């Protein structure tokens, strides 16, 4: 790891990379069309930027995004798929109708089934 950002979860995910690439293509298209004086190209670029947001959301909902907050270090690789149970405080999950209560129940169940350390 570089000393610039230490050892942190930067949130690199398939959803994030795809959304950024599509949005960059949209901004580049709109910018080139603006320079060339082509209004249709500007609208095409703007449409690509909107599509980038929708594609990122769809990929997040399919499990290729990440929940809010920091993930464990073994899940930092961008190819790790998120087990989708609905994320707490996640606007995308709430808009899709996923309930955070389901996620809380799943976490409580996993915690209850976990072995208790000998020191407890």
Protein backbone atom coordinates (compact mmCIF):
# COMPACT_ATOMS: atom_id res chain seq x y z
CA UNK A 1 0.00 0.00 0.00
CA UNK A 2 1.08 3.52 -0.65
CA UNK A 3 1.79 5.84 2.24
CA UNK A 4 -0.61 8.40 0.74
CA UNK A 5 -3.79 6.68 1.83
CA UNK A 6 -2.54 4.19 4.40
CA UNK A 7 -4.44 0.93 4.76
CA UNK A 8 -8.07 1.92 4.20
CA UNK A 9 -11.11 0.67 2.29
CA UNK A 10 -11.33 2.93 -0.77
CA UNK A 11 -14.56 1.34 -1.93
CA UNK A 12 -13.37 0.15 -5.33
CA UNK A 13 -16.18 -2.03 -6.69
CA UNK A 14 -17.45 -3.22 -10.06
CA UNK A 15 -20.39 -0.82 -9.68
CA UNK A 16 -18.08 2.09 -8.90
CA UNK A 17 -15.64 1.44 -11.74
CA UNK A 18 -18.39 0.85 -14.31
CA UNK A 19 -20.29 3.96 -13.26
CA UNK A 20 -17.17 6.12 -13.41
CA UNK A 21 -16.19 4.79 -16.85
CA UNK A 22 -19.65 5.39 -18.32
CA UNK A 23 -19.87 8.87 -16.75
CA UNK A 24 -16.40 9.75 -18.07
CA UNK A 25 -17.49 8.68 -21.57
CA UNK A 26 -20.61 10.82 -21.19
CA UNK A 27 -18.68 13.91 -20.10
CA UNK A 28 -16.14 13.41 -22.89
CA UNK A 29 -18.92 13.03 -25.47
CA UNK A 30 -20.73 16.13 -24.24
CA UNK A 31 -17.48 18.11 -24.13
CA UNK A 32 -16.45 17.13 -27.64
CA UNK A 33 -19.94 17.89 -28.94
CA UNK A 34 -19.88 21.27 -27.22
CA UNK A 35 -16.58 22.13 -28.91
CA UNK A 36 -17.92 20.91 -32.27
CA UNK A 37 -21.21 22.78 -31.87
CA UNK A 38 -23.36 19.62 -32.05
CA UNK A 39 -26.39 19.90 -29.72
CA UNK A 40 -27.40 16.28 -30.34
CA UNK A 41 -24.00 15.12 -29.04
CA UNK A 42 -24.41 17.22 -25.92
CA UNK A 43 -27.73 15.49 -25.22
CA UNK A 44 -26.17 12.11 -25.94
CA UNK A 45 -23.40 12.83 -23.42
CA UNK A 46 -25.93 14.00 -20.83
CA UNK A 47 -27.92 10.81 -21.41
CA UNK A 48 -24.78 8.73 -20.83
CA UNK A 49 -24.18 10.49 -17.52
CA UNK A 50 -27.74 9.71 -16.39
CA UNK A 51 -27.27 6.11 -17.59
CA UNK A 52 -24.06 5.90 -15.51
CA UNK A 53 -26.03 6.62 -12.35
CA UNK A 54 -28.69 4.05 -13.22
CA UNK A 55 -26.10 1.41 -14.16
CA UNK A 56 -24.21 1.98 -10.90
CA UNK A 57 -27.42 1.63 -8.92
CA UNK A 58 -28.42 -1.55 -10.78
CA UNK A 59 -24.97 -3.10 -10.22
CA UNK A 60 -25.12 -2.15 -6.53
CA UNK A 61 -28.49 -3.86 -6.21
CA UNK A 62 -27.08 -6.98 -7.93
CA UNK A 63 -24.38 -7.20 -5.28
CA UNK A 64 -21.45 -5.57 -7.10
CA UNK A 65 -21.39 -2.46 -4.90
CA UNK A 66 -20.56 -2.11 -1.22
CA UNK A 67 -22.50 -1.25 1.90
CA UNK A 68 -21.96 2.06 3.65
CA UNK A 69 -18.96 2.17 5.93
CA UNK A 70 -15.72 0.24 6.00
CA UNK A 71 -15.55 -3.41 4.92
CA UNK A 72 -13.23 -6.04 6.39
CA UNK A 73 -9.80 -6.11 4.70
CA UNK A 74 -10.47 -9.46 2.97
CA UNK A 75 -13.40 -7.84 1.08
CA UNK A 76 -11.44 -4.87 -0.31
CA UNK A 77 -10.75 -6.45 -3.68
CA UNK A 78 -13.02 -4.98 -6.35
CA UNK A 79 -14.12 -8.44 -7.52
CA UNK A 80 -15.69 -9.42 -4.18
CA UNK A 81 -19.45 -9.67 -4.46
CA UNK A 82 -21.56 -8.29 -1.63
CA UNK A 83 -24.11 -10.68 -0.09
CA UNK A 84 -27.21 -8.58 -0.70
CA UNK A 85 -29.52 -8.51 2.29
CA UNK A 86 -30.20 -4.76 2.24
CA UNK A 87 -27.81 -2.23 3.73
CA UNK A 88 -28.57 0.01 6.67
CA UNK A 89 -28.50 3.73 5.78
CA UNK A 90 -28.30 2.91 2.05
CA UNK A 91 -30.46 5.16 -0.13
CA UNK A 92 -30.15 2.80 -3.12
CA UNK A 93 -31.45 -0.15 -1.09
CA UNK A 94 -34.30 1.91 0.37
CA UNK A 95 -35.33 3.15 -3.11
CA UNK A 96 -35.34 -0.46 -4.33
CA UNK A 97 -37.58 -1.52 -1.44
CA UNK A 98 -34.96 -3.48 0.48
CA UNK A 99 -35.51 -3.16 4.19
CA UNK A 100 -32.70 -2.53 6.63
CA UNK A 101 -34.62 -4.57 9.21
CA UNK A 102 -33.94 -7.67 7.13
CA UNK A 103 -30.24 -6.85 7.19
CA UNK A 104 -30.33 -6.28 10.94
CA UNK A 105 -32.10 -9.61 11.48
CA UNK A 106 -29.54 -11.42 9.30
CA UNK A 107 -26.67 -9.81 11.24
CA UNK A 108 -28.23 -10.71 14.60
CA UNK A 109 -28.78 -14.29 13.46
CA UNK A 110 -25.19 -14.59 12.27
CA UNK A 111 -23.97 -13.11 15.55
CA UNK A 112 -26.12 -15.51 17.59
CA UNK A 113 -24.79 -18.51 15.66
CA UNK A 114 -21.14 -17.44 16.00
CA UNK A 115 -19.09 -19.42 18.50
CA UNK A 116 -18.56 -17.68 21.83
CA UNK A 117 -14.88 -17.09 22.77
CA UNK A 118 -13.67 -18.96 25.87
CA UNK A 119 -13.00 -15.71 27.78
CA UNK A 120 -16.69 -14.68 27.86
